[in-house]
Structures are given as structure tokens and as C-alpha cells.
Amino acid sequence: MPDLSVFCWTAVFVWVLIGVRAVYANRHRFQRGTSPLGNASSQYLSASAHASDPRYAFDARTAEVVRRIEDGNTENTTYVLTVYAKNPAGEYFVFRSDGERSSIKHLSQELAKVVLR
């Protein structure tokens, strides 16, 4: 008959490994002290695109959010925030962030109508 203490220590070891794996998978949350959603939202609020023509300039503080899409999977910690917004001149922009990298792009009126219908 196997020794019960060996079984208990093996079970403890397995649970510790599972815990270490969970911490490693979510390390970016622990390192920054914030979630990808918090980072992406902060990135959006500070997003801007400068242009000589005010129609193609963007500042998130003055833009109207038309649609906000949060797409995430907590099991493998992927996350993407997509914000469609309109500047005061009526031009549309799309902002995307995964909590680390972000981008902003102008959308033509035709494309915005298709995407935002």
C-alpha cells in the first residue's frame, strides 16, 4: 500500500504548479497593477492624431464615441478594445488596443457607413 504522505505531498506540488501557471499567464496584470482593459481605456483617452486639415485631426477628449467593442478571453488573457468615434468635423476614426499597443486610423465615410450600420 502506498504511503499516504507521498500522495498528499504530490497533490500539494500539483496545486502549486497550477498556481504558478496561473500567475505566469496573468503576469502583465500583476506587473502593472492594472488590467488590459484599464490600460486600453487609458490609451484611448490620451489618443490623438494631428493633421493640418482639422477634418482629419482626432482627439479622444473631444470625440463622440459611436461604438465601443470589448473583445476578450480571460482563459488565455487576450483582450482587444475597439472604439469607433467621430471627431467634431464629422469624420470617423477607429482606435484599437490590446492593453499594450494601440493604433488609430481614419475611416472614409463610405467605410464607416458599412462598418457602423
Protein backbone atom coordinates (compact mmCIF):
# COMPACT_ATOMS: atom_id res chain seq x y z
CA MET A 1 0.00 0.00 0.00
CA PRO A 2 1.47 3.41 -0.96
CA ASP A 3 2.38 5.90 1.71
CA LEU A 4 -0.42 8.46 2.15
CA SER A 5 2.02 11.30 2.89
CA VAL A 6 3.64 10.86 -0.56
CA PHE A 7 0.21 11.20 -2.15
CA CYS A 8 -0.55 14.37 -0.13
CA TRP A 9 2.78 15.98 -0.99
CA THR A 10 2.28 15.11 -4.66
CA ALA A 11 -1.17 16.73 -4.59
CA VAL A 12 0.24 19.86 -2.93
CA PHE A 13 3.01 20.02 -5.54
CA VAL A 14 0.49 19.78 -8.40
CA TRP A 15 -1.65 22.57 -6.92
CA VAL A 16 1.41 24.78 -6.51
CA LEU A 17 2.31 24.20 -10.16
CA ILE A 18 -1.23 25.14 -11.21
CA GLY A 19 -0.99 28.34 -9.14
CA VAL A 20 2.39 29.26 -10.62
CA ARG A 21 0.98 28.72 -14.11
CA ALA A 22 -2.00 30.99 -13.36
CA VAL A 23 0.28 33.76 -12.06
CA TYR A 24 2.58 33.42 -15.07
CA ALA A 25 -0.37 33.58 -17.50
CA ASN A 26 -1.60 36.80 -15.87
CA ARG A 27 1.83 38.31 -15.17
CA HIS A 28 1.10 41.53 -17.06
CA ARG A 29 -1.79 42.26 -14.69
CA PHE A 30 0.39 41.78 -11.64
CA GLN A 31 3.36 43.69 -13.03
CA ARG A 32 1.39 46.81 -13.88
CA GLY A 33 -1.21 46.53 -11.18
CA THR A 34 -3.96 47.08 -13.73
CA SER A 35 -5.91 45.09 -16.28
CA PRO A 36 -5.58 45.24 -20.08
CA LEU A 37 -8.99 46.95 -20.11
CA GLY A 38 -7.70 49.70 -17.83
CA ASN A 39 -4.60 50.17 -19.96
CA ALA A 40 -6.58 50.21 -23.21
CA SER A 41 -9.11 52.69 -21.83
CA SER A 42 -6.31 54.98 -20.66
CA GLN A 43 -4.65 54.72 -24.05
CA TYR A 44 -7.92 55.70 -25.76
CA LEU A 45 -8.42 58.74 -23.54
CA SER A 46 -4.96 60.01 -24.47
CA ALA A 47 -5.24 59.12 -28.18
CA SER A 48 -4.78 61.85 -30.73
CA ALA A 49 -3.88 62.25 -34.38
CA HIS A 50 -2.65 65.59 -35.60
CA ALA A 51 -3.33 66.84 -39.13
CA SER A 52 -3.12 70.17 -40.91
CA ASP A 53 -6.72 69.74 -42.04
CA PRO A 54 -8.97 69.74 -38.93
CA ARG A 55 -11.29 67.21 -40.59
CA TYR A 56 -8.59 64.56 -40.24
CA ALA A 57 -7.41 65.50 -36.75
CA PHE A 58 -8.52 63.41 -33.79
CA ASP A 59 -8.55 63.99 -30.05
CA ALA A 60 -10.32 61.42 -27.89
CA ARG A 61 -11.26 64.08 -25.34
CA THR A 62 -13.47 65.86 -27.89
CA ALA A 63 -14.59 62.88 -29.99
CA GLU A 64 -18.00 61.27 -29.81
CA VAL A 65 -17.86 57.50 -29.22
CA VAL A 66 -20.12 55.82 -31.75
CA ARG A 67 -19.42 52.20 -30.82
CA ARG A 68 -17.18 50.54 -28.22
CA ILE A 69 -16.35 46.84 -28.52
CA GLU A 70 -14.51 44.91 -25.82
CA ASP A 71 -13.37 41.52 -27.01
CA GLY A 72 -11.56 39.35 -24.51
CA ASN A 73 -10.87 35.86 -23.40
CA THR A 74 -9.94 35.53 -19.74
CA GLU A 75 -8.66 31.97 -20.17
CA ASN A 76 -5.67 32.97 -22.30
CA THR A 77 -5.70 36.67 -21.32
CA THR A 78 -6.20 38.06 -24.82
CA TYR A 79 -8.03 41.36 -24.97
CA VAL A 80 -8.80 43.94 -27.63
CA LEU A 81 -10.62 47.23 -27.22
CA THR A 82 -12.04 48.75 -30.41
CA VAL A 83 -13.59 52.21 -30.35
CA TYR A 84 -15.29 53.83 -33.32
CA ALA A 85 -15.51 57.57 -32.78
CA LYS A 86 -16.42 60.72 -34.67
CA ASN A 87 -14.45 63.95 -34.40
CA PRO A 88 -16.20 67.37 -34.22
CA ALA A 89 -15.83 67.71 -38.02
CA GLY A 90 -17.90 64.54 -38.53
CA GLU A 91 -15.04 62.30 -39.67
CA TYR A 92 -14.84 58.74 -38.32
CA PHE A 93 -11.86 57.05 -36.70
CA VAL A 94 -11.20 53.58 -35.31
CA PHE A 95 -8.99 53.06 -32.27
CA ARG A 96 -7.68 49.60 -31.34
CA SER A 97 -5.66 48.48 -28.33
CA ASP A 98 -4.69 45.21 -26.69
CA GLY A 99 -3.66 46.98 -23.50
CA GLU A 100 -0.07 47.33 -24.65
CA ARG A 101 -0.07 48.52 -28.26
CA SER A 102 -2.61 50.87 -29.76
CA SER A 103 -3.39 52.39 -33.13
CA ILE A 104 -5.78 54.95 -34.55
CA LYS A 105 -6.93 55.13 -38.14
CA HIS A 106 -9.20 57.42 -40.14
CA LEU A 107 -12.20 55.77 -41.82
CA SER A 108 -13.74 57.05 -45.02
CA GLN A 109 -17.41 57.99 -44.80
CA GLU A 110 -18.32 55.04 -47.04
CA LEU A 111 -16.42 52.52 -44.92
CA ALA A 112 -17.80 53.98 -41.70
CA LYS A 113 -21.37 53.55 -43.01
CA VAL A 114 -20.71 49.89 -43.80
CA VAL A 115 -18.93 49.12 -40.51
CA LEU A 116 -21.33 51.07 -38.29
CA ARG A 117 -24.65 50.30 -39.96
